[in-house]
Amino acid sequence: MKHLTTILLITAVLASCKPEAKVTCLISGTVKNATDKEIKLAIGTKVDTLKLNADGTFSKEISVSKPSDAVLQGTKLYVALYLIPGKDLAISVNASDMNMDLSFTGSLADVNTYILKKSDGEQKSQELLFKTYKSPNTPADFKRVRDSLRMAEINFLDKYTGAGGKLDQAFIDRQKKVIQFSYFGDLNNYPMMAGYYNTDKPVIPADWYSFLDGVNLDDPALLDIQEAKYFITSYVSAQALKLSGVPQEKSYNNPEVRKATFKFLADHFKSPEFFNLMAFESLKGTIDSEGPKGLEELVAEYMTKSTDEANKKSLKDMVDGWASLAPGKPAPVFNLPDINGKMVSLKDFAGKYVFIDYWATWCGPCKAEVPFYKQLIDDYKSKNIVFISISVDKDKAAWEKMVKEGIPVMDGATGKPVVPAKMIAMSWLQLHDAVKYNKIWLVKFIPTFVLIDTKGNIINSRAERPSNPELRKVLDGLAGI
């Protein structure tokens, strides 16, 4: 009995010394003609920084808990990768021409070379697909073309696999799902894309979604595959919109669509991972943009039902962050330079209403609002209100140039500047704030408009756009305007 006890003890010790499975991946290589001092490797939302040496070389152990898609990126660099725990990958890339001079070595070379070669033909495939959205093509034409592209992808995988047999079976199985869900994603997007690009407004067949017959979407493993995750997220959004009864043009950040999303997830997905992710992302998108108003019940439901503690904390932090921007709260007092370098403060406008436009020179929707904003300013020039534009441009010179030169008048039919050129002079108060105050105002999407009362308190931290007639109704209703 004594000997048995000793054997069991030795066995336990040996078992405890068994090496743990590696959860890292060694990434190394060389970036030729690098303009960066460091590059980034993104796996989902996790981003690692890789320092570049003087000769462009780099090396780092990256935490990878499971096979994952990744992206290596820099100023002139964007490389899609696939990483597996315990394996290594060496990359040689030319930052001035990465498509012509990119190669891999190491134990992950084969799978990443396959991904690279597969991507070579994807641009032409997308161009072909884009043409089929337009008239005179029909839904049947689109499906025929998309079916042919799917078969070409399958044939390429079969040919590549048979040529050298260097791809392991797990990767092959994953790629088959990538092909399958890329196909699903394009079919799912077709009604929206054709509705936008096809002037004939084709009627979508009643059995359009029959491609999902027999497909089990309620599988958490699918969330580890980017294409599957994208399709399921898009599919849930489309079905929630249909369930809500809200028209497409009124669906943006609509609380009723968010409620329908929660219901659709509850009715069709029993695995908690889907609710954890998709209900969170549905709320996050709206709260990031507009705040939590009208979503209080859904936030409470998520906090009760979700099993993802990180998402719950993130959601709580977001909601708490908006508390300081609620109507009636003191507006953050800015102190910013105008176009001539003179410092301007919110306190300078005590006793006046203040309307602020957060914008940037590179933002198309921002510039589209300028004619309406200029007209609004002209119409209210005798009123007790100050209109301000605050640029979030990191390139201050670009801001200065556009403010001094003005913004071209656009042709509504073509979307191009009118000929001969006409400019809208940006003659009202122009301030610059690359980071500080727009961060305080939680500006994550532009244009963003803010309305402040005569006492310096917030009326609305997300006011209507100047192009929306509702804004004038709000302004006209202000006491003492």
Protein backbone atom coordinates (compact mmCIF):
# COMPACT_ATOMS: atom_id res chain seq x y z
CA MET A 1 0.00 0.00 0.00
CA LYS A 2 2.93 2.25 0.83
CA HIS A 3 4.43 1.59 -2.64
CA LEU A 4 1.07 2.37 -4.32
CA THR A 5 0.84 5.67 -2.49
CA THR A 6 4.38 6.55 -3.60
CA ILE A 7 3.57 5.71 -7.23
CA LEU A 8 0.42 7.81 -7.15
CA LEU A 9 2.35 10.71 -5.64
CA ILE A 10 5.07 10.50 -8.33
CA THR A 11 2.39 10.32 -11.02
CA ALA A 12 0.71 13.43 -9.61
CA VAL A 13 4.01 15.33 -9.53
CA LEU A 14 4.83 14.36 -13.12
CA ALA A 15 1.35 15.37 -14.23
CA SER A 16 1.73 18.75 -12.53
CA CYS A 17 5.00 19.31 -14.41
CA LYS A 18 3.43 18.72 -17.83
CA PRO A 19 4.21 21.79 -19.96
CA GLU A 20 1.23 24.02 -20.72
CA ALA A 21 0.17 24.49 -24.31
CA LYS A 22 1.72 27.56 -25.84
CA VAL A 23 -0.57 30.56 -26.10
CA THR A 24 1.86 32.78 -27.98
CA CYS A 25 3.01 33.15 -31.56
CA LEU A 26 6.43 34.49 -32.54
CA ILE A 27 6.04 37.22 -35.16
CA SER A 28 9.19 38.53 -36.81
CA GLY A 29 10.39 39.88 -40.10
CA THR A 30 11.58 42.89 -42.07
CA VAL A 31 9.77 45.94 -43.37
CA LYS A 32 11.74 47.38 -46.28
CA ASN A 33 11.51 51.13 -46.94
CA ALA A 34 9.74 51.62 -43.63
CA THR A 35 8.52 55.11 -42.80
CA ASP A 36 7.31 54.10 -39.32
CA LYS A 37 9.26 53.52 -36.12
CA GLU A 38 6.67 50.97 -35.05
CA ILE A 39 3.86 48.96 -36.58
CA LYS A 40 0.68 47.44 -35.13
CA LEU A 41 -0.63 43.89 -35.04
CA ALA A 42 -4.38 43.72 -34.43
CA ILE A 43 -6.21 40.56 -33.36
CA GLY A 44 -9.84 41.56 -32.98
CA THR A 45 -9.86 44.54 -30.62
CA LYS A 46 -6.47 43.64 -29.12
CA VAL A 47 -3.58 45.61 -30.60
CA ASP A 48 0.13 44.91 -30.07
CA THR A 49 2.88 47.37 -30.92
CA LEU A 50 5.94 46.01 -32.74
CA LYS A 51 9.01 48.24 -32.62
CA LEU A 52 10.99 48.52 -35.86
CA ASN A 53 14.76 48.53 -35.60
CA ALA A 54 16.90 50.84 -37.74
CA ASP A 55 17.17 48.16 -40.43
CA GLY A 56 13.40 47.56 -40.48
CA THR A 57 13.52 44.27 -38.57
CA PHE A 58 11.10 43.36 -35.80
CA SER A 59 10.35 40.42 -33.50
CA LYS A 60 7.82 39.84 -30.74
CA GLU A 61 5.97 37.04 -28.96
CA ILE A 62 2.25 37.76 -29.44
CA SER A 63 -0.41 36.39 -27.11
CA VAL A 64 -2.71 34.14 -29.16
CA SER A 65 -5.10 31.86 -27.25
CA LYS A 66 -6.70 30.27 -30.33
CA PRO A 67 -6.37 30.31 -34.14
CA SER A 68 -7.10 33.89 -35.11
CA ASP A 69 -7.28 36.33 -38.00
CA ALA A 70 -4.90 39.26 -37.58
CA VAL A 71 -3.81 42.39 -39.41
CA LEU A 72 -0.31 43.88 -39.57
CA GLN A 73 -0.55 47.58 -40.30
CA GLY A 74 1.46 50.77 -40.53
CA THR A 75 1.27 54.06 -42.42
CA LYS A 76 1.81 52.30 -45.78
CA LEU A 77 1.26 48.76 -44.63
CA TYR A 78 -1.74 46.44 -44.41
CA VAL A 79 -1.24 42.67 -44.38
CA ALA A 80 -3.97 40.15 -43.49
CA LEU A 81 -2.58 37.23 -41.45
CA TYR A 82 -3.66 34.00 -39.79
CA LEU A 83 -2.00 33.00 -36.51
CA ILE A 84 -1.99 29.73 -34.54
CA PRO A 85 -0.78 29.37 -30.93
CA GLY A 86 2.65 27.76 -30.61
CA LYS A 87 3.69 28.49 -34.19
CA ASP A 88 5.87 31.18 -35.75
CA LEU A 89 5.69 33.46 -38.76
CA ALA A 90 8.37 35.57 -40.40
CA ILE A 91 7.24 38.31 -42.79
CA SER A 92 9.16 40.15 -45.46
CA VAL A 93 7.29 43.15 -46.82
CA ASN A 94 8.04 46.30 -48.77
CA ALA A 95 6.17 49.29 -47.34
CA SER A 96 6.38 51.10 -50.68
CA ASP A 97 4.81 48.23 -52.65
CA MET A 98 3.51 45.49 -50.35
CA ASN A 99 1.45 43.76 -53.02
CA MET A 100 4.52 43.03 -55.16
CA ASP A 101 7.04 42.15 -52.48
CA LEU A 102 5.42 40.16 -49.68
CA SER A 103 6.53 36.71 -48.57
CA PHE A 104 6.39 34.41 -45.55
CA THR A 105 8.61 31.84 -43.86
CA GLY A 106 8.22 29.82 -40.67
CA SER A 107 5.68 27.20 -39.62
CA LEU A 108 2.77 29.47 -40.60
CA ALA A 109 4.15 30.29 -44.04
CA ASP A 110 1.88 27.92 -45.98
CA VAL A 111 -1.44 29.09 -44.57
CA ASN A 112 -0.52 32.76 -44.94
CA THR A 113 0.77 32.26 -48.48
CA TYR A 114 -2.59 30.64 -49.33
CA ILE A 115 -4.42 33.67 -47.88
CA LEU A 116 -2.17 36.01 -49.86
CA LYS A 117 -2.69 34.16 -53.17
CA LYS A 118 -6.40 33.88 -52.55
CA SER A 119 -6.66 37.64 -52.04
CA ASP A 120 -4.93 38.35 -55.36
CA GLY A 121 -8.15 37.75 -57.28
CA GLU A 122 -10.58 39.19 -54.76
CA GLN A 123 -10.51 42.75 -56.09
CA LYS A 124 -11.54 41.64 -59.59
CA SER A 125 -14.25 39.46 -58.07
CA GLN A 126 -15.62 42.40 -56.11
CA GLU A 127 -15.59 44.61 -59.20
CA LEU A 128 -17.55 41.97 -61.11
CA LEU A 129 -19.99 41.59 -58.24
CA PHE A 130 -20.50 45.34 -58.00
CA LYS A 131 -21.61 45.48 -61.64
CA THR A 132 -24.34 42.92 -60.98
CA TYR A 133 -26.02 45.21 -58.43
CA LYS A 134 -26.95 47.55 -61.26
CA SER A 135 -29.62 47.46 -63.96
CA PRO A 136 -30.38 45.52 -66.10
CA ASN A 137 -29.15 42.70 -63.85
CA THR A 138 -31.77 40.82 -61.82
CA PRO A 139 -31.51 38.94 -58.49
CA ALA A 140 -31.11 35.73 -60.54
CA ASP A 141 -28.16 37.29 -62.40
CA PHE A 142 -26.52 38.29 -59.14
CA LYS A 143 -26.94 34.84 -57.63
CA ARG A 144 -25.59 33.18 -60.78
CA VAL A 145 -22.45 35.33 -60.72
CA ARG A 146 -21.97 34.90 -56.98
CA ASP A 147 -22.38 31.12 -57.30
CA SER A 148 -19.65 31.03 -59.93
CA LEU A 149 -17.28 33.02 -57.72
CA ARG A 150 -17.96 30.66 -54.80
CA MET A 151 -17.15 27.63 -56.95
CA ALA A 152 -13.92 29.31 -58.11
CA GLU A 153 -12.91 29.78 -54.46
CA ILE A 154 -13.67 26.14 -53.65
CA ASN A 155 -11.71 24.97 -56.68
CA PHE A 156 -8.75 27.16 -55.71
CA LEU A 157 -8.74 25.69 -52.19
CA ASP A 158 -8.93 22.14 -53.55
CA LYS A 159 -6.16 22.81 -56.05
CA TYR A 160 -3.93 24.50 -53.47
CA THR A 161 -4.52 21.73 -50.94
CA GLY A 162 -3.80 19.00 -53.47
CA ALA A 163 -0.70 20.65 -54.85
CA GLY A 164 1.46 20.26 -51.78
CA GLY A 165 -0.77 18.99 -49.03
CA LYS A 166 0.76 21.54 -46.68
CA LEU A 167 -2.44 22.91 -45.18
CA ASP A 168 -3.64 21.11 -42.08
CA GLN A 169 -7.20 19.81 -41.99
CA ALA A 170 -8.37 22.25 -39.32
CA PHE A 171 -7.34 25.20 -41.50
CA ILE A 172 -8.97 23.64 -44.58
CA ASP A 173 -12.24 23.15 -42.67
CA ARG A 174 -12.07 26.74 -41.49
CA GLN A 175 -11.49 28.02 -45.02
CA LYS A 176 -14.54 26.14 -46.24
CA LYS A 177 -16.59 28.04 -43.66
CA VAL A 178 -14.94 31.30 -44.71
CA ILE A 179 -16.04 30.64 -48.31
CA GLN A 180 -19.52 29.60 -47.21
CA PHE A 181 -20.17 32.64 -45.03
CA SER A 182 -18.62 35.11 -47.45
CA TYR A 183 -21.20 33.79 -49.91
CA PHE A 184 -23.98 34.11 -47.34
CA GLY A 185 -22.87 37.66 -46.55
CA ASP A 186 -23.06 38.82 -50.15
CA LEU A 187 -26.50 37.25 -50.63
CA ASN A 188 -27.67 38.89 -47.42
CA ASN A 189 -26.39 42.30 -48.55
CA TYR A 190 -27.83 42.08 -52.05
CA PRO A 191 -31.34 43.48 -51.31
CA MET A 192 -29.82 46.61 -49.75
CA MET A 193 -27.12 47.08 -52.40
CA ALA A 194 -29.45 46.49 -55.34
CA GLY A 195 -32.02 48.81 -53.78
CA TYR A 196 -29.39 51.53 -53.74
CA TYR A 197 -27.65 50.97 -57.09
CA ASN A 198 -30.28 49.35 -59.31
CA THR A 199 -32.61 51.93 -60.82
CA ASP A 200 -35.15 49.21 -61.65
CA LYS A 201 -35.56 48.40 -57.93
CA PRO A 202 -35.70 44.63 -58.42
CA VAL A 203 -38.18 42.53 -56.46
CA ILE A 204 -36.38 40.14 -54.12
CA PRO A 205 -37.73 36.56 -54.43
CA ALA A 206 -39.67 35.28 -51.44
CA ASP A 207 -37.28 32.33 -51.09
CA TRP A 208 -34.12 34.50 -51.20
CA TYR A 209 -32.95 33.27 -47.79
CA SER A 210 -33.42 29.60 -48.66
CA PHE A 211 -29.63 29.32 -48.68
CA LEU A 212 -29.91 29.18 -44.89
CA ASP A 213 -32.11 26.08 -44.89
CA GLY A 214 -30.50 23.46 -42.68
CA VAL A 215 -27.69 25.82 -41.56
CA ASN A 216 -27.15 26.06 -37.79
CA LEU A 217 -26.16 29.63 -36.96
CA ASP A 218 -26.43 29.05 -33.21
CA ASP A 219 -22.84 27.83 -32.93
CA PRO A 220 -20.46 29.97 -30.81
CA ALA A 221 -17.45 28.63 -32.76
CA LEU A 222 -18.66 30.66 -35.76
CA LEU A 223 -17.87 33.87 -33.90
CA ASP A 224 -14.16 33.03 -34.20
CA ILE A 225 -14.44 33.23 -37.99
CA GLN A 226 -14.54 36.83 -39.19
CA GLU A 227 -16.70 36.16 -42.24
CA ALA A 228 -19.23 34.13 -40.23
CA LYS A 229 -19.36 36.75 -37.48
CA TYR A 230 -19.90 39.49 -40.07
CA PHE A 231 -22.68 37.58 -41.80
CA ILE A 232 -24.53 36.65 -38.60
CA THR A 233 -24.28 40.23 -37.32
CA SER A 234 -25.60 41.61 -40.64
CA TYR A 235 -28.31 38.97 -40.81
CA VAL A 236 -29.50 39.72 -37.28
CA SER A 237 -29.56 43.45 -38.10
CA ALA A 238 -31.60 42.88 -41.27
CA GLN A 239 -34.09 40.62 -39.53
CA ALA A 240 -34.39 42.99 -36.56
CA LEU A 241 -35.15 45.88 -38.90
CA LYS A 242 -37.84 43.79 -40.59
CA LEU A 243 -39.26 42.78 -37.21
CA SER A 244 -39.33 46.38 -35.95
CA GLY A 245 -41.35 47.69 -38.90
CA VAL A 246 -39.17 50.81 -38.98
CA PRO A 247 -38.38 52.09 -42.52
CA GLN A 248 -34.73 51.77 -43.58
CA GLU A 249 -34.31 55.55 -43.83
CA LYS A 250 -35.39 55.98 -40.19
CA SER A 251 -33.53 53.02 -38.73
CA TYR A 252 -30.26 54.77 -37.80
CA ASN A 253 -29.84 54.57 -34.01
CA ASN A 254 -33.57 53.92 -33.65
CA PRO A 255 -34.44 52.47 -30.18
CA GLU A 256 -37.24 50.36 -31.70
CA VAL A 257 -34.72 48.59 -33.93
CA ARG A 258 -32.52 47.94 -30.88
CA LYS A 259 -35.51 46.40 -29.05
CA ALA A 260 -36.21 44.20 -32.08
CA THR A 261 -32.55 43.10 -32.09
CA PHE A 262 -32.87 41.91 -28.49
CA LYS A 263 -36.07 40.03 -29.30
CA PHE A 264 -34.67 38.37 -32.43
CA LEU A 265 -31.59 37.22 -30.54
CA ALA A 266 -33.73 35.80 -27.74
CA ASP A 267 -35.99 33.95 -30.16
CA HIS A 268 -33.31 32.46 -32.45
CA PHE A 269 -30.06 32.10 -30.47
CA LYS A 270 -29.85 30.05 -27.29
CA SER A 271 -26.05 30.23 -26.93
CA PRO A 272 -25.31 33.22 -24.64
CA GLU A 273 -22.25 34.24 -26.70
CA PHE A 274 -24.50 35.74 -29.39
CA PHE A 275 -26.46 37.90 -26.97
CA ASN A 276 -23.25 38.89 -25.17
CA LEU A 277 -21.71 40.16 -28.40
CA MET A 278 -24.51 41.35 -30.67
CA ALA A 279 -26.79 42.95 -28.11
CA PHE A 280 -23.74 44.76 -26.74
CA GLU A 281 -22.63 46.00 -30.17
CA SER A 282 -26.18 47.10 -30.96
CA LEU A 283 -26.26 49.23 -27.80
CA LYS A 284 -22.67 50.43 -28.13
CA GLY A 285 -23.17 51.85 -31.61
CA THR A 286 -26.11 53.98 -30.53
CA ILE A 287 -24.69 55.04 -27.18
CA ASP A 288 -21.36 56.00 -28.73
CA SER A 289 -23.17 58.23 -31.18
CA GLU A 290 -26.23 59.54 -29.36
CA GLY A 291 -26.01 58.53 -25.72
CA PRO A 292 -28.22 56.14 -23.72
CA LYS A 293 -31.48 58.12 -23.87
CA GLY A 294 -34.36 55.82 -24.75
CA LEU A 295 -32.26 52.71 -24.18
CA GLU A 296 -32.43 52.54 -20.40
CA GLU A 297 -34.57 49.38 -20.32
CA LEU A 298 -32.34 47.58 -22.83
CA VAL A 299 -29.21 48.54 -20.91
CA ALA A 300 -30.77 47.13 -17.73
CA GLU A 301 -31.77 43.96 -19.61
CA TYR A 302 -28.24 43.50 -20.93
CA MET A 303 -26.73 43.99 -17.47
CA THR A 304 -29.10 41.31 -16.12
CA LYS A 305 -28.81 38.71 -18.89
CA SER A 306 -25.25 39.02 -20.21
CA THR A 307 -22.54 36.70 -18.93
CA ASP A 308 -19.74 38.83 -20.41
CA GLU A 309 -18.36 40.84 -17.50
CA ALA A 310 -15.97 42.87 -19.69
CA ASN A 311 -18.81 44.01 -21.96
CA LYS A 312 -20.99 44.83 -18.96
CA LYS A 313 -18.26 47.00 -17.45
CA SER A 314 -17.67 48.71 -20.78
CA LEU A 315 -21.39 49.40 -21.15
CA LYS A 316 -21.60 50.81 -17.61
CA ASP A 317 -18.60 53.06 -18.25
CA MET A 318 -20.20 54.36 -21.44
CA VAL A 319 -23.49 55.13 -19.74
CA ASP A 320 -21.74 56.77 -16.78
CA GLY A 321 -19.66 58.88 -19.16
CA TRP A 322 -22.81 60.38 -20.66
CA ALA A 323 -24.18 61.42 -17.26
CA SER A 324 -22.08 64.59 -17.29
CA LEU A 325 -23.50 65.53 -20.72
CA ALA A 326 -27.16 65.28 -19.73
CA PRO A 327 -29.47 68.26 -20.33
CA GLY A 328 -29.06 70.83 -17.56
CA LYS A 329 -25.48 69.85 -16.72
CA PRO A 330 -22.78 72.56 -16.97
CA ALA A 331 -21.18 72.48 -20.42
CA PRO A 332 -17.43 71.79 -20.43
CA VAL A 333 -15.69 75.15 -20.72
CA PHE A 334 -13.31 75.21 -23.68
CA ASN A 335 -10.36 77.51 -24.33
CA LEU A 336 -9.30 77.14 -27.96
CA PRO A 337 -7.50 79.11 -30.71
CA ASP A 338 -9.42 80.66 -33.58
CA ILE A 339 -8.12 80.83 -37.15
CA ASN A 340 -5.94 83.83 -36.22
CA GLY A 341 -4.52 82.18 -33.11
CA LYS A 342 -6.63 84.20 -30.66
CA MET A 343 -7.81 82.14 -27.67
CA VAL A 344 -11.59 81.87 -27.32
CA SER A 345 -13.51 80.52 -24.29
CA LEU A 346 -17.09 79.44 -23.78
CA LYS A 347 -17.20 81.98 -20.96
CA ASP A 348 -16.86 84.74 -23.56
CA PHE A 349 -20.47 84.07 -24.58
CA ALA A 350 -22.19 84.28 -21.19
CA GLY A 351 -25.82 85.33 -21.63
CA LYS A 352 -26.00 83.92 -25.16
CA TYR A 353 -27.09 80.59 -26.55
CA VAL A 354 -24.23 78.69 -28.18
CA PHE A 355 -24.50 76.21 -31.05
CA ILE A 356 -21.35 74.17 -31.78
CA ASP A 357 -20.53 72.13 -34.86
CA TYR A 358 -17.75 69.52 -34.47
CA TRP A 359 -16.38 68.77 -37.94
CA ALA A 360 -13.25 67.98 -40.00
CA THR A 361 -11.94 68.88 -43.44
CA TRP A 362 -11.86 65.20 -44.51
CA CYS A 363 -15.48 64.52 -43.46
CA GLY A 364 -17.90 64.49 -46.42
CA PRO A 365 -21.13 64.65 -44.34
CA CYS A 366 -19.63 67.57 -42.38
CA LYS A 367 -19.00 69.57 -45.55
CA ALA A 368 -22.45 68.65 -46.86
CA GLU A 369 -23.94 70.47 -43.83
CA VAL A 370 -21.97 73.69 -44.44
CA PRO A 371 -24.48 75.33 -46.86
CA PHE A 372 -27.31 74.68 -44.40
CA TYR A 373 -25.19 75.89 -41.50
CA LYS A 374 -24.26 79.09 -43.35
CA GLN A 375 -27.92 79.77 -44.14
CA LEU A 376 -28.88 79.10 -40.51
CA ILE A 377 -26.24 81.57 -39.31
CA ASP A 378 -27.46 84.23 -41.76
CA ASP A 379 -31.09 83.74 -40.75
CA TYR A 380 -30.32 83.99 -37.01
CA LYS A 381 -27.68 86.74 -37.12
CA SER A 382 -29.94 89.15 -35.20
CA LYS A 383 -30.80 86.54 -32.54
CA ASN A 384 -29.20 85.94 -29.14
CA ILE A 385 -27.14 82.97 -30.30
CA VAL A 386 -23.53 82.33 -31.29
CA PHE A 387 -22.58 79.76 -33.93
CA ILE A 388 -19.19 78.07 -33.69
CA SER A 389 -17.41 75.40 -35.73
CA ILE A 390 -14.72 73.38 -33.95
CA SER A 391 -12.41 71.33 -36.17
CA VAL A 392 -11.11 67.97 -34.91
CA ASP A 393 -8.48 67.85 -37.68
CA LYS A 394 -5.13 66.52 -36.51
CA ASP A 395 -3.64 68.28 -39.55
CA LYS A 396 -4.05 71.87 -38.41
CA ALA A 397 -2.66 73.21 -41.71
CA ALA A 398 -5.47 71.46 -43.64
CA TRP A 399 -8.02 73.15 -41.38
CA GLU A 400 -6.43 76.57 -41.82
CA LYS A 401 -6.34 76.15 -45.59
CA MET A 402 -10.02 75.16 -45.90
CA VAL A 403 -11.24 77.90 -43.56
CA LYS A 404 -9.31 80.57 -45.49
CA GLU A 405 -10.27 79.27 -48.95
CA GLY A 406 -13.83 78.19 -48.16
CA ILE A 407 -15.73 75.05 -49.17
CA PRO A 408 -16.75 74.43 -52.81
CA VAL A 409 -20.44 74.59 -53.67
CA MET A 410 -21.47 71.10 -54.77
CA ASP A 411 -23.82 70.11 -57.57
CA GLY A 412 -26.69 68.19 -55.97
CA ALA A 413 -27.15 65.99 -59.04
CA THR A 414 -23.54 64.95 -59.61
CA GLY A 415 -22.07 65.36 -56.12
CA LYS A 416 -19.15 67.27 -57.71
CA PRO A 417 -18.14 70.97 -57.38
CA VAL A 418 -20.13 73.29 -59.64
CA VAL A 419 -18.46 74.78 -62.70
CA PRO A 420 -17.40 77.56 -62.66
CA ALA A 421 -16.25 77.03 -59.09
CA LYS A 422 -18.08 78.80 -56.27
CA MET A 423 -16.92 78.85 -52.68
CA ILE A 424 -18.82 79.12 -49.40
CA ALA A 425 -16.86 81.48 -47.18
CA MET A 426 -16.46 80.08 -43.63
CA SER A 427 -16.75 83.53 -42.10
CA TRP A 428 -18.21 82.55 -38.73
CA LEU A 429 -16.16 81.65 -35.65
CA GLN A 430 -13.76 78.79 -36.42
CA LEU A 431 -11.86 77.03 -33.62
CA HIS A 432 -9.44 74.08 -33.59
CA ASP A 433 -9.37 71.16 -31.13
CA ALA A 434 -7.55 68.02 -32.24
CA VAL A 435 -8.21 65.99 -29.09
CA LYS A 436 -9.08 67.48 -25.70
CA TYR A 437 -12.59 68.93 -25.75
CA ASN A 438 -14.11 66.72 -28.42
CA LYS A 439 -13.03 63.82 -26.21
CA ILE A 440 -14.77 65.41 -23.23
CA TRP A 441 -17.91 65.80 -25.35
CA LEU A 442 -17.61 62.10 -26.35
CA VAL A 443 -17.45 63.04 -30.02
CA LYS A 444 -16.85 59.74 -31.81
CA PHE A 445 -18.78 60.50 -34.98
CA ILE A 446 -18.88 63.73 -36.95
CA PRO A 447 -20.57 65.98 -37.64
CA THR A 448 -21.77 66.38 -34.07
CA PHE A 449 -23.82 69.38 -32.97
CA VAL A 450 -24.18 70.78 -29.44
CA LEU A 451 -26.63 73.34 -28.04
CA ILE A 452 -25.85 75.28 -24.84
CA ASP A 453 -28.13 77.71 -22.97
CA THR A 454 -27.49 81.28 -21.83
CA LYS A 455 -26.22 80.08 -18.43
CA GLY A 456 -23.65 77.75 -19.90
CA ASN A 457 -25.68 74.59 -19.30
CA ILE A 458 -26.29 71.83 -21.83
CA ILE A 459 -29.58 71.82 -23.69
CA ASN A 460 -28.65 68.97 -26.02
CA SER A 461 -25.24 67.33 -26.45
CA ARG A 462 -26.49 65.80 -29.71
CA ALA A 463 -28.60 68.46 -31.37
CA GLU A 464 -30.22 68.09 -34.79
CA ARG A 465 -28.23 68.89 -37.93
CA PRO A 466 -28.71 72.28 -39.65
CA SER A 467 -30.19 70.42 -42.65
CA ASN A 468 -33.00 69.10 -40.42
CA PRO A 469 -35.97 71.55 -40.21
CA GLU A 470 -36.56 70.34 -36.64
CA LEU A 471 -33.49 72.31 -35.49
CA ARG A 472 -35.13 75.61 -36.38
CA LYS A 473 -38.21 74.65 -34.39
CA VAL A 474 -35.99 74.02 -31.38
CA LEU A 475 -34.12 77.30 -31.78
CA ASP A 476 -37.32 79.29 -32.30
CA GLY A 477 -38.68 77.85 -29.07
CA LEU A 478 -35.77 79.01 -26.91
CA ALA A 479 -36.69 81.68 -24.33
CA GLY A 480 -35.11 85.02 -25.15
CA ILE A 481 -33.59 83.89 -28.44
